[in-house]
Amino acid sequence: MVVETQYEDNILTAKLYGEIDHHQAPMIRNKIDGQTESLRPKELHLDFSGVSFMDSSGIGLIMGRYRQVSLIGGSLKVINVPKRLQKIIGLSGIDTLGVLK
């Protein structure tokens, strides 16, 4: 799993590539959390366009980042979710948080 981050106009975008599972999630979380803590963005965008597989660890990753960015007064947007991942995200109830774009 690779995570590329970009910060522009008070928006931190984390573009994710590969698989999100219990082996990869901690590395992804640490990178995004470090950037969020230092930059304190108004919005955090998690770009899933490059994600090929996700299990429940991906749901945990989204929920944890939602909590983290909310604590600093920001908001989360989950963007570019491939069709193959939309079902697992929909079943999780994350769509009720208003974070899917």
PDB file of N, CA and C in Angstrom:
ATOM      1  N   MET A   1       0.839  -1.182   0.000  1.00  0.00           N
ATOM      2  CA  MET A   1       0.000   0.000   0.000  1.00  0.00           C
ATOM      3  C   MET A   1       0.876   1.234   0.000  1.00  0.00           C
ATOM      4  N   VAL A   2       0.523   2.139  -0.853  1.00  0.00           N
ATOM      5  CA  VAL A   2       1.220   3.407  -0.943  1.00  0.00           C
ATOM      6  C   VAL A   2       0.227   4.511  -0.617  1.00  0.00           C
ATOM      7  N   VAL A   3       0.701   5.520   0.098  1.00  0.00           N
ATOM      8  CA  VAL A   3      -0.120   6.687   0.411  1.00  0.00           C
ATOM      9  C   VAL A   3       0.639   7.912  -0.069  1.00  0.00           C
ATOM     10  N   GLU A   4       0.010   8.698  -0.915  1.00  0.00           N
ATOM     11  CA  GLU A   4       0.585   9.963  -1.353  1.00  0.00           C
ATOM     12  C   GLU A   4      -0.297  11.070  -0.791  1.00  0.00           C
ATOM     13  N   THR A   5       0.321  12.071  -0.186  1.00  0.00           N
ATOM     14  CA  THR A   5      -0.452  13.183   0.360  1.00  0.00           C
ATOM     15  C   THR A   5      -0.128  14.469  -0.377  1.00  0.00           C
ATOM     16  N   GLN A   6      -1.142  15.320  -0.436  1.00  0.00           N
ATOM     17  CA  GLN A   6      -0.996  16.633  -1.052  1.00  0.00           C
ATOM     18  C   GLN A   6      -1.775  17.616  -0.188  1.00  0.00           C
ATOM     19  N   TYR A   7      -1.194  18.776   0.066  1.00  0.00           N
ATOM     20  CA  TYR A   7      -1.850  19.796   0.869  1.00  0.00           C
ATOM     21  C   TYR A   7      -1.962  21.072   0.051  1.00  0.00           C
ATOM     22  N   GLU A   8      -3.199  21.530  -0.129  1.00  0.00           N
ATOM     23  CA  GLU A   8      -3.435  22.742  -0.905  1.00  0.00           C
ATOM     24  C   GLU A   8      -4.749  23.375  -0.460  1.00  0.00           C
ATOM     25  N   ASP A   9      -4.747  24.682  -0.283  1.00  0.00           N
ATOM     26  CA  ASP A   9      -5.949  25.434   0.095  1.00  0.00           C
ATOM     27  C   ASP A   9      -6.615  24.870   1.347  1.00  0.00           C
ATOM     28  N   ASN A  10      -5.795  24.496   2.333  1.00  0.00           N
ATOM     29  CA  ASN A  10      -6.273  23.969   3.612  1.00  0.00           C
ATOM     30  C   ASN A  10      -7.010  22.636   3.474  1.00  0.00           C
ATOM     31  N   ILE A  11      -6.713  21.897   2.394  1.00  0.00           N
ATOM     32  CA  ILE A  11      -7.263  20.561   2.179  1.00  0.00           C
ATOM     33  C   ILE A  11      -6.096  19.592   2.068  1.00  0.00           C
ATOM     34  N   LEU A  12      -6.117  18.578   2.924  1.00  0.00           N
ATOM     35  CA  LEU A  12      -5.132  17.503   2.856  1.00  0.00           C
ATOM     36  C   LEU A  12      -5.782  16.338   2.136  1.00  0.00           C
ATOM     37  N   THR A  13      -5.196  15.940   1.011  1.00  0.00           N
ATOM     38  CA  THR A  13      -5.695  14.802   0.249  1.00  0.00           C
ATOM     39  C   THR A  13      -4.712  13.656   0.401  1.00  0.00           C
ATOM     40  N   ALA A  14      -5.231  12.509   0.815  1.00  0.00           N
ATOM     41  CA  ALA A  14      -4.430  11.292   0.920  1.00  0.00           C
ATOM     42  C   ALA A  14      -4.926  10.319  -0.141  1.00  0.00           C
ATOM     43  N   LYS A  15      -4.100  10.098  -1.162  1.00  0.00           N
ATOM     44  CA  LYS A  15      -4.465   9.173  -2.230  1.00  0.00           C
ATOM     45  C   LYS A  15      -3.906   7.809  -1.873  1.00  0.00           C
ATOM     46  N   LEU A  16      -4.786   6.822  -1.811  1.00  0.00           N
ATOM     47  CA  LEU A  16      -4.434   5.475  -1.393  1.00  0.00           C
ATOM     48  C   LEU A  16      -4.332   4.557  -2.611  1.00  0.00           C
ATOM     49  N   TYR A  17      -3.349   3.668  -2.571  1.00  0.00           N
ATOM     50  CA  TYR A  17      -3.121   2.713  -3.659  1.00  0.00           C
ATOM     51  C   TYR A  17      -2.950   1.315  -3.085  1.00  0.00           C
ATOM     52  N   GLY A  18      -3.484   0.309  -3.762  1.00  0.00           N
ATOM     53  CA  GLY A  18      -3.263  -1.082  -3.371  1.00  0.00           C
ATOM     54  C   GLY A  18      -4.370  -1.602  -2.474  1.00  0.00           C
ATOM     55  N   GLU A  19      -3.967  -2.407  -1.477  1.00  0.00           N
ATOM     56  CA  GLU A  19      -4.918  -3.071  -0.595  1.00  0.00           C
ATOM     57  C   GLU A  19      -4.901  -2.451   0.805  1.00  0.00           C
ATOM     58  N   ILE A  20      -6.089  -2.359   1.399  1.00  0.00           N
ATOM     59  CA  ILE A  20      -6.199  -1.914   2.785  1.00  0.00           C
ATOM     60  C   ILE A  20      -6.675  -3.113   3.596  1.00  0.00           C
ATOM     61  N   ASP A  21      -5.776  -3.672   4.378  1.00  0.00           N
ATOM     62  CA  ASP A  21      -6.112  -4.780   5.265  1.00  0.00           C
ATOM     63  C   ASP A  21      -5.429  -4.548   6.606  1.00  0.00           C
ATOM     64  N   HIS A  22      -5.535  -5.505   7.518  1.00  0.00           N
ATOM     65  CA  HIS A  22      -4.998  -5.285   8.865  1.00  0.00           C
ATOM     66  C   HIS A  22      -3.482  -5.162   8.899  1.00  0.00           C
ATOM     67  N   HIS A  23      -2.798  -5.584   7.841  1.00  0.00           N
ATOM     68  CA  HIS A  23      -1.348  -5.419   7.772  1.00  0.00           C
ATOM     69  C   HIS A  23      -0.962  -4.008   7.318  1.00  0.00           C
ATOM     70  N   GLN A  24      -1.728  -3.456   6.416  1.00  0.00           N
ATOM     71  CA  GLN A  24      -1.409  -2.156   5.821  1.00  0.00           C
ATOM     72  C   GLN A  24      -2.026  -0.968   6.561  1.00  0.00           C
ATOM     73  N   ALA A  25      -3.156  -1.188   7.216  1.00  0.00           N
ATOM     74  CA  ALA A  25      -3.889  -0.079   7.834  1.00  0.00           C
ATOM     75  C   ALA A  25      -3.055   0.741   8.827  1.00  0.00           C
ATOM     76  N   PRO A  26      -2.242   0.121   9.700  1.00  0.00           N
ATOM     77  CA  PRO A  26      -1.467   0.948  10.644  1.00  0.00           C
ATOM     78  C   PRO A  26      -0.502   1.919   9.956  1.00  0.00           C
ATOM     79  N   MET A  27       0.154   1.486   8.897  1.00  0.00           N
ATOM     80  CA  MET A  27       1.078   2.358   8.167  1.00  0.00           C
ATOM     81  C   MET A  27       0.324   3.525   7.529  1.00  0.00           C
ATOM     82  N   ILE A  28      -0.807   3.227   6.939  1.00  0.00           N
ATOM     83  CA  ILE A  28      -1.622   4.263   6.312  1.00  0.00           C
ATOM     84  C   ILE A  28      -2.086   5.267   7.374  1.00  0.00           C
ATOM     85  N   ARG A  29      -2.610   4.728   8.462  1.00  0.00           N
ATOM     86  CA  ARG A  29      -3.103   5.562   9.566  1.00  0.00           C
ATOM     87  C   ARG A  29      -2.006   6.486  10.093  1.00  0.00           C
ATOM     88  N   ASN A  30      -0.823   5.936  10.327  1.00  0.00           N
ATOM     89  CA  ASN A  30       0.271   6.736  10.874  1.00  0.00           C
ATOM     90  C   ASN A  30       0.662   7.883   9.952  1.00  0.00           C
ATOM     91  N   LYS A  31       0.732   7.612   8.662  1.00  0.00           N
ATOM     92  CA  LYS A  31       1.114   8.669   7.718  1.00  0.00           C
ATOM     93  C   LYS A  31       0.053   9.766   7.673  1.00  0.00           C
ATOM     94  N   ILE A  32      -1.206   9.384   7.562  1.00  0.00           N
ATOM     95  CA  ILE A  32      -2.279  10.373   7.471  1.00  0.00           C
ATOM     96  C   ILE A  32      -2.400  11.145   8.783  1.00  0.00           C
ATOM     97  N   ASP A  33      -2.324  10.439   9.905  1.00  0.00           N
ATOM     98  CA  ASP A  33      -2.453  11.107  11.200  1.00  0.00           C
ATOM     99  C   ASP A  33      -1.317  12.104  11.436  1.00  0.00           C
ATOM    100  N   GLY A  34      -0.119  11.737  11.049  1.00  0.00           N
ATOM    101  CA  GLY A  34       1.014  12.648  11.208  1.00  0.00           C
ATOM    102  C   GLY A  34       0.820  13.925  10.420  1.00  0.00           C
ATOM    103  N   GLN A  35       0.381  13.787   9.190  1.00  0.00           N
ATOM    104  CA  GLN A  35       0.122  14.957   8.345  1.00  0.00           C
ATOM    105  C   GLN A  35      -1.029  15.796   8.898  1.00  0.00           C
ATOM    106  N   THR A  36      -2.082  15.121   9.357  1.00  0.00           N
ATOM    107  CA  THR A  36      -3.238  15.835   9.897  1.00  0.00           C
ATOM    108  C   THR A  36      -2.865  16.608  11.152  1.00  0.00           C
ATOM    109  N   GLU A  37      -2.082  16.002  12.016  1.00  0.00           N
ATOM    110  CA  GLU A  37      -1.687  16.674  13.252  1.00  0.00           C
ATOM    111  C   GLU A  37      -0.795  17.884  12.984  1.00  0.00           C
ATOM    112  N   SER A  38       0.100  17.769  12.022  1.00  0.00           N
ATOM    113  CA  SER A  38       1.004  18.895  11.770  1.00  0.00           C
ATOM    114  C   SER A  38       0.356  19.999  10.928  1.00  0.00           C
ATOM    115  N   LEU A  39      -0.470  19.645   9.961  1.00  0.00           N
ATOM    116  CA  LEU A  39      -1.058  20.635   9.062  1.00  0.00           C
ATOM    117  C   LEU A  39      -2.402  21.187   9.551  1.00  0.00           C
ATOM    118  N   ARG A  40      -3.131  20.392  10.341  1.00  0.00           N
ATOM    119  CA  ARG A  40      -4.445  20.767  10.854  1.00  0.00           C
ATOM    120  C   ARG A  40      -5.363  21.304   9.743  1.00  0.00           C
ATOM    121  N   PRO A  41      -5.640  20.476   8.726  1.00  0.00           N
ATOM    122  CA  PRO A  41      -6.437  20.933   7.587  1.00  0.00           C
ATOM    123  C   PRO A  41      -7.898  21.153   7.950  1.00  0.00           C
ATOM    124  N   LYS A  42      -8.544  22.011   7.178  1.00  0.00           N
ATOM    125  CA  LYS A  42      -9.976  22.213   7.340  1.00  0.00           C
ATOM    126  C   LYS A  42     -10.730  20.996   6.811  1.00  0.00           C
ATOM    127  N   GLU A  43     -10.185  20.385   5.753  1.00  0.00           N
ATOM    128  CA  GLU A  43     -10.785  19.177   5.177  1.00  0.00           C
ATOM    129  C   GLU A  43      -9.708  18.135   4.949  1.00  0.00           C
ATOM    130  N   LEU A  44     -10.077  16.880   5.192  1.00  0.00           N
ATOM    131  CA  LEU A  44      -9.242  15.735   4.858  1.00  0.00           C
ATOM    132  C   LEU A  44      -9.997  14.928   3.818  1.00  0.00           C
ATOM    133  N   HIS A  45      -9.372  14.723   2.668  1.00  0.00           N
ATOM    134  CA  HIS A  45      -9.965  13.911   1.613  1.00  0.00           C
ATOM    135  C   HIS A  45      -9.211  12.591   1.541  1.00  0.00           C
ATOM    136  N   LEU A  46      -9.939  11.492   1.651  1.00  0.00           N
ATOM    137  CA  LEU A  46      -9.364  10.166   1.443  1.00  0.00           C
ATOM    138  C   LEU A  46      -9.777   9.722   0.054  1.00  0.00           C
ATOM    139  N   ASP A  47      -8.812   9.643  -0.845  1.00  0.00           N
ATOM    140  CA  ASP A  47      -9.059   9.299  -2.249  1.00  0.00           C
ATOM    141  C   ASP A  47      -8.829   7.806  -2.432  1.00  0.00           C
ATOM    142  N   PHE A  48      -9.897   7.069  -2.669  1.00  0.00           N
ATOM    143  CA  PHE A  48      -9.850   5.613  -2.798  1.00  0.00           C
ATOM    144  C   PHE A  48      -9.715   5.140  -4.242  1.00  0.00           C
ATOM    145  N   SER A  49      -9.452   6.020  -5.178  1.00  0.00           N
ATOM    146  CA  SER A  49      -9.431   5.635  -6.596  1.00  0.00           C
ATOM    147  C   SER A  49      -8.404   4.556  -6.919  1.00  0.00           C
ATOM    148  N   GLY A  50      -7.330   4.467  -6.151  1.00  0.00           N
ATOM    149  CA  GLY A  50      -6.296   3.470  -6.420  1.00  0.00           C
ATOM    150  C   GLY A  50      -6.364   2.238  -5.543  1.00  0.00           C
ATOM    151  N   VAL A  51      -7.441   2.095  -4.763  1.00  0.00           N
ATOM    152  CA  VAL A  51      -7.569   0.954  -3.855  1.00  0.00           C
ATOM    153  C   VAL A  51      -8.176  -0.235  -4.599  1.00  0.00           C
ATOM    154  N   SER A  52      -7.473  -1.369  -4.558  1.00  0.00           N
ATOM    155  CA  SER A  52      -7.945  -2.564  -5.258  1.00  0.00           C
ATOM    156  C   SER A  52      -8.704  -3.520  -4.358  1.00  0.00           C
ATOM    157  N   PHE A  53      -8.478  -3.451  -3.041  1.00  0.00           N
ATOM    158  CA  PHE A  53      -9.144  -4.342  -2.078  1.00  0.00           C
ATOM    159  C   PHE A  53      -9.208  -3.632  -0.738  1.00  0.00           C
ATOM    160  N   MET A  54     -10.297  -3.896  -0.014  1.00  0.00           N
ATOM    161  CA  MET A  54     -10.439  -3.334   1.322  1.00  0.00           C
ATOM    162  C   MET A  54     -11.281  -4.283   2.154  1.00  0.00           C
ATOM    163  N   ASP A  55     -10.832  -4.552   3.382  1.00  0.00           N
ATOM    164  CA  ASP A  55     -11.654  -5.312   4.320  1.00  0.00           C
ATOM    165  C   ASP A  55     -12.120  -4.366   5.414  1.00  0.00           C
ATOM    166  N   SER A  56     -12.537  -4.903   6.544  1.00  0.00           N
ATOM    167  CA  SER A  56     -13.059  -4.059   7.617  1.00  0.00           C
ATOM    168  C   SER A  56     -12.013  -3.090   8.162  1.00  0.00           C
ATOM    169  N   SER A  57     -10.736  -3.363   7.925  1.00  0.00           N
ATOM    170  CA  SER A  57      -9.685  -2.431   8.341  1.00  0.00           C
ATOM    171  C   SER A  57      -9.835  -1.090   7.628  1.00  0.00           C
ATOM    172  N   GLY A  58     -10.320  -1.113   6.413  1.00  0.00           N
ATOM    173  CA  GLY A  58     -10.565   0.118   5.668  1.00  0.00           C
ATOM    174  C   GLY A  58     -11.684   0.939   6.289  1.00  0.00           C
ATOM    175  N   ILE A  59     -12.701   0.249   6.795  1.00  0.00           N
ATOM    176  CA  ILE A  59     -13.790   0.940   7.485  1.00  0.00           C
ATOM    177  C   ILE A  59     -13.244   1.600   8.757  1.00  0.00           C
ATOM    178  N   GLY A  60     -12.425   0.853   9.489  1.00  0.00           N
ATOM    179  CA  GLY A  60     -11.806   1.408  10.690  1.00  0.00           C
ATOM    180  C   GLY A  60     -10.926   2.604  10.379  1.00  0.00           C
ATOM    181  N   LEU A  61     -10.222   2.526   9.256  1.00  0.00           N
ATOM    182  CA  LEU A  61      -9.368   3.626   8.832  1.00  0.00           C
ATOM    183  C   LEU A  61     -10.198   4.882   8.581  1.00  0.00           C
ATOM    184  N   ILE A  62     -11.312   4.733   7.894  1.00  0.00           N
ATOM    185  CA  ILE A  62     -12.186   5.875   7.616  1.00  0.00           C
ATOM    186  C   ILE A  62     -12.747   6.444   8.921  1.00  0.00           C
ATOM    187  N   MET A  63     -13.264   5.580   9.780  1.00  0.00           N
ATOM    188  CA  MET A  63     -13.876   6.034  11.029  1.00  0.00           C
ATOM    189  C   MET A  63     -12.866   6.750  11.931  1.00  0.00           C
ATOM    190  N   GLY A  64     -11.672   6.208  12.017  1.00  0.00           N
ATOM    191  CA  GLY A  64     -10.643   6.832  12.843  1.00  0.00           C
ATOM    192  C   GLY A  64     -10.223   8.196  12.338  1.00  0.00           C
ATOM    193  N   ARG A  65     -10.105   8.339  11.008  1.00  0.00           N
ATOM    194  CA  ARG A  65      -9.735   9.632  10.445  1.00  0.00           C
ATOM    195  C   ARG A  65     -10.876  10.620  10.599  1.00  0.00           C
ATOM    196  N   TYR A  66     -12.115  10.140  10.510  1.00  0.00           N
ATOM    197  CA  TYR A  66     -13.285  11.001  10.749  1.00  0.00           C
ATOM    198  C   TYR A  66     -13.208  11.581  12.156  1.00  0.00           C
ATOM    199  N   ARG A  67     -12.932  10.728  13.117  1.00  0.00           N
ATOM    200  CA  ARG A  67     -12.840  11.177  14.511  1.00  0.00           C
ATOM    201  C   ARG A  67     -11.677  12.154  14.685  1.00  0.00           C
ATOM    202  N   GLN A  68     -10.521  11.800  14.127  1.00  0.00           N
ATOM    203  CA  GLN A  68      -9.341  12.637  14.310  1.00  0.00           C
ATOM    204  C   GLN A  68      -9.548  14.035  13.731  1.00  0.00           C
ATOM    205  N   VAL A  69     -10.021  14.122  12.510  1.00  0.00           N
ATOM    206  CA  VAL A  69     -10.178  15.433  11.877  1.00  0.00           C
ATOM    207  C   VAL A  69     -11.322  16.213  12.535  1.00  0.00           C
ATOM    208  N   SER A  70     -12.329  15.528  13.042  1.00  0.00           N
ATOM    209  CA  SER A  70     -13.418  16.205  13.756  1.00  0.00           C
ATOM    210  C   SER A  70     -12.911  16.857  15.036  1.00  0.00           C
ATOM    211  N   LEU A  71     -11.979  16.212  15.708  1.00  0.00           N
ATOM    212  CA  LEU A  71     -11.434  16.752  16.959  1.00  0.00           C
ATOM    213  C   LEU A  71     -10.676  18.059  16.758  1.00  0.00           C
ATOM    214  N   ILE A  72     -10.166  18.284  15.549  1.00  0.00           N
ATOM    215  CA  ILE A  72      -9.460  19.541  15.283  1.00  0.00           C
ATOM    216  C   ILE A  72     -10.352  20.546  14.548  1.00  0.00           C
ATOM    217  N   GLY A  73     -11.644  20.220  14.441  1.00  0.00           N
ATOM    218  CA  GLY A  73     -12.595  21.144  13.828  1.00  0.00           C
ATOM    219  C   GLY A  73     -12.707  21.036  12.324  1.00  0.00           C
ATOM    220  N   GLY A  74     -12.172  19.972  11.758  1.00  0.00           N
ATOM    221  CA  GLY A  74     -12.229  19.782  10.312  1.00  0.00           C
ATOM    222  C   GLY A  74     -13.296  18.789   9.905  1.00  0.00           C
ATOM    223  N   SER A  75     -13.326  18.501   8.619  1.00  0.00           N
ATOM    224  CA  SER A  75     -14.295  17.531   8.095  1.00  0.00           C
ATOM    225  C   SER A  75     -13.581  16.535   7.183  1.00  0.00           C
ATOM    226  N   LEU A  76     -14.236  15.409   6.968  1.00  0.00           N
ATOM    227  CA  LEU A  76     -13.691  14.326   6.153  1.00  0.00           C
ATOM    228  C   LEU A  76     -14.567  14.123   4.930  1.00  0.00           C
ATOM    229  N   LYS A  77     -13.921  13.882   3.794  1.00  0.00           N
ATOM    230  CA  LYS A  77     -14.613  13.475   2.574  1.00  0.00           C
ATOM    231  C   LYS A  77     -13.913  12.228   2.040  1.00  0.00           C
ATOM    232  N   VAL A  78     -14.692  11.207   1.741  1.00  0.00           N
ATOM    233  CA  VAL A  78     -14.173   9.994   1.115  1.00  0.00           C
ATOM    234  C   VAL A  78     -14.543  10.108  -0.355  1.00  0.00           C
ATOM    235  N   ILE A  79     -13.527  10.158  -1.215  1.00  0.00           N
ATOM    236  CA  ILE A  79     -13.772  10.459  -2.625  1.00  0.00           C
ATOM    237  C   ILE A  79     -13.285   9.338  -3.540  1.00  0.00           C
ATOM    238  N   ASN A  80     -13.846   9.298  -4.727  1.00  0.00           N
ATOM    239  CA  ASN A  80     -13.427   8.389  -5.796  1.00  0.00           C
ATOM    240  C   ASN A  80     -13.427   6.928  -5.373  1.00  0.00           C
ATOM    241  N   VAL A  81     -14.515   6.494  -4.730  1.00  0.00           N
ATOM    242  CA  VAL A  81     -14.625   5.100  -4.294  1.00  0.00           C
ATOM    243  C   VAL A  81     -15.002   4.237  -5.494  1.00  0.00           C
ATOM    244  N   PRO A  82     -14.159   3.233  -5.821  1.00  0.00           N
ATOM    245  CA  PRO A  82     -14.493   2.342  -6.937  1.00  0.00           C
ATOM    246  C   PRO A  82     -15.777   1.558  -6.654  1.00  0.00           C
ATOM    247  N   LYS A  83     -16.493   1.198  -7.703  1.00  0.00           N
ATOM    248  CA  LYS A  83     -17.753   0.462  -7.555  1.00  0.00           C
ATOM    249  C   LYS A  83     -17.582  -0.802  -6.730  1.00  0.00           C
ATOM    250  N   ARG A  84     -16.460  -1.487  -6.885  1.00  0.00           N
ATOM    251  CA  ARG A  84     -16.253  -2.753  -6.177  1.00  0.00           C
ATOM    252  C   ARG A  84     -16.138  -2.568  -4.661  1.00  0.00           C
ATOM    253  N   LEU A  85     -15.887  -1.334  -4.201  1.00  0.00           N
ATOM    254  CA  LEU A  85     -15.774  -1.066  -2.763  1.00  0.00           C
ATOM    255  C   LEU A  85     -17.007  -0.374  -2.188  1.00  0.00           C
ATOM    256  N   GLN A  86     -17.898   0.073  -3.056  1.00  0.00           N
ATOM    257  CA  GLN A  86     -19.056   0.827  -2.586  1.00  0.00           C
ATOM    258  C   GLN A  86     -19.978  -0.004  -1.701  1.00  0.00           C
ATOM    259  N   LYS A  87     -20.080  -1.304  -1.971  1.00  0.00           N
ATOM    260  CA  LYS A  87     -20.983  -2.150  -1.181  1.00  0.00           C
ATOM    261  C   LYS A  87     -20.502  -2.264   0.266  1.00  0.00           C
ATOM    262  N   ILE A  88     -19.220  -2.545   0.478  1.00  0.00           N
ATOM    263  CA  ILE A  88     -18.709  -2.690   1.833  1.00  0.00           C
ATOM    264  C   ILE A  88     -18.830  -1.374   2.606  1.00  0.00           C
ATOM    265  N   ILE A  89     -18.606  -0.263   1.918  1.00  0.00           N
ATOM    266  CA  ILE A  89     -18.741   1.037   2.575  1.00  0.00           C
ATOM    267  C   ILE A  89     -20.213   1.312   2.886  1.00  0.00           C
ATOM    268  N   GLY A  90     -21.090   0.981   1.963  1.00  0.00           N
ATOM    269  CA  GLY A  90     -22.520   1.180   2.201  1.00  0.00           C
ATOM    270  C   GLY A  90     -23.045   0.337   3.347  1.00  0.00           C
ATOM    271  N   LEU A  91     -22.613  -0.916   3.425  1.00  0.00           N
ATOM    272  CA  LEU A  91     -23.052  -1.803   4.505  1.00  0.00           C
ATOM    273  C   LEU A  91     -22.555  -1.338   5.871  1.00  0.00           C
ATOM    274  N   SER A  92     -21.447  -0.618   5.886  1.00  0.00           N
ATOM    275  CA  SER A  92     -20.871  -0.162   7.155  1.00  0.00           C
ATOM    276  C   SER A  92     -21.664   0.980   7.787  1.00  0.00           C
ATOM    277  N   GLY A  93     -22.446   1.690   6.988  1.00  0.00           N
ATOM    278  CA  GLY A  93     -23.194   2.832   7.493  1.00  0.00           C
ATOM    279  C   GLY A  93     -22.427   4.138   7.420  1.00  0.00           C
ATOM    280  N   ILE A  94     -21.224   4.094   6.857  1.00  0.00           N
ATOM    281  CA  ILE A  94     -20.418   5.317   6.760  1.00  0.00           C
ATOM    282  C   ILE A  94     -21.136   6.394   5.954  1.00  0.00           C
ATOM    283  N   ASP A  95     -21.952   5.975   4.999  1.00  0.00           N
ATOM    284  CA  ASP A  95     -22.656   6.959   4.181  1.00  0.00           C
ATOM    285  C   ASP A  95     -23.580   7.843   5.017  1.00  0.00           C
ATOM    286  N   THR A  96     -24.003   7.382   6.198  1.00  0.00           N
ATOM    287  CA  THR A  96     -24.879   8.200   7.053  1.00  0.00           C
ATOM    288  C   THR A  96     -24.120   9.350   7.716  1.00  0.00           C
ATOM    289  N   LEU A  97     -22.791   9.313   7.687  1.00  0.00           N
ATOM    290  CA  LEU A  97     -21.979  10.393   8.261  1.00  0.00           C
ATOM    291  C   LEU A  97     -21.870  11.587   7.322  1.00  0.00           C
ATOM    292  N   GLY A  98     -22.303  11.411   6.082  1.00  0.00           N
ATOM    293  CA  GLY A  98     -22.208  12.493   5.106  1.00  0.00           C
ATOM    294  C   GLY A  98     -20.809  12.730   4.595  1.00  0.00           C
ATOM    295  N   VAL A  99     -19.956  11.706   4.611  1.00  0.00           N
ATOM    296  CA  VAL A  99     -18.563  11.881   4.202  1.00  0.00           C
ATOM    297  C   VAL A  99     -18.304  11.431   2.768  1.00  0.00           C
ATOM    298  N   LEU A 100     -19.232  10.697   2.168  1.00  0.00           N
ATOM    299  CA  LEU A 100     -18.999  10.220   0.808  1.00  0.00           C
ATOM    300  C   LEU A 100     -19.275  11.317  -0.195  1.00  0.00           C
ATOM    301  N   LYS A 101     -18.371  11.440  -1.145  1.00  0.00           N
ATOM    302  CA  LYS A 101     -18.508  12.496  -2.151  1.00  0.00           C
ATOM    303  C   LYS A 101     -18.504  11.868  -3.513  1.00  0.00           C
TER     304      LYS A 101
END
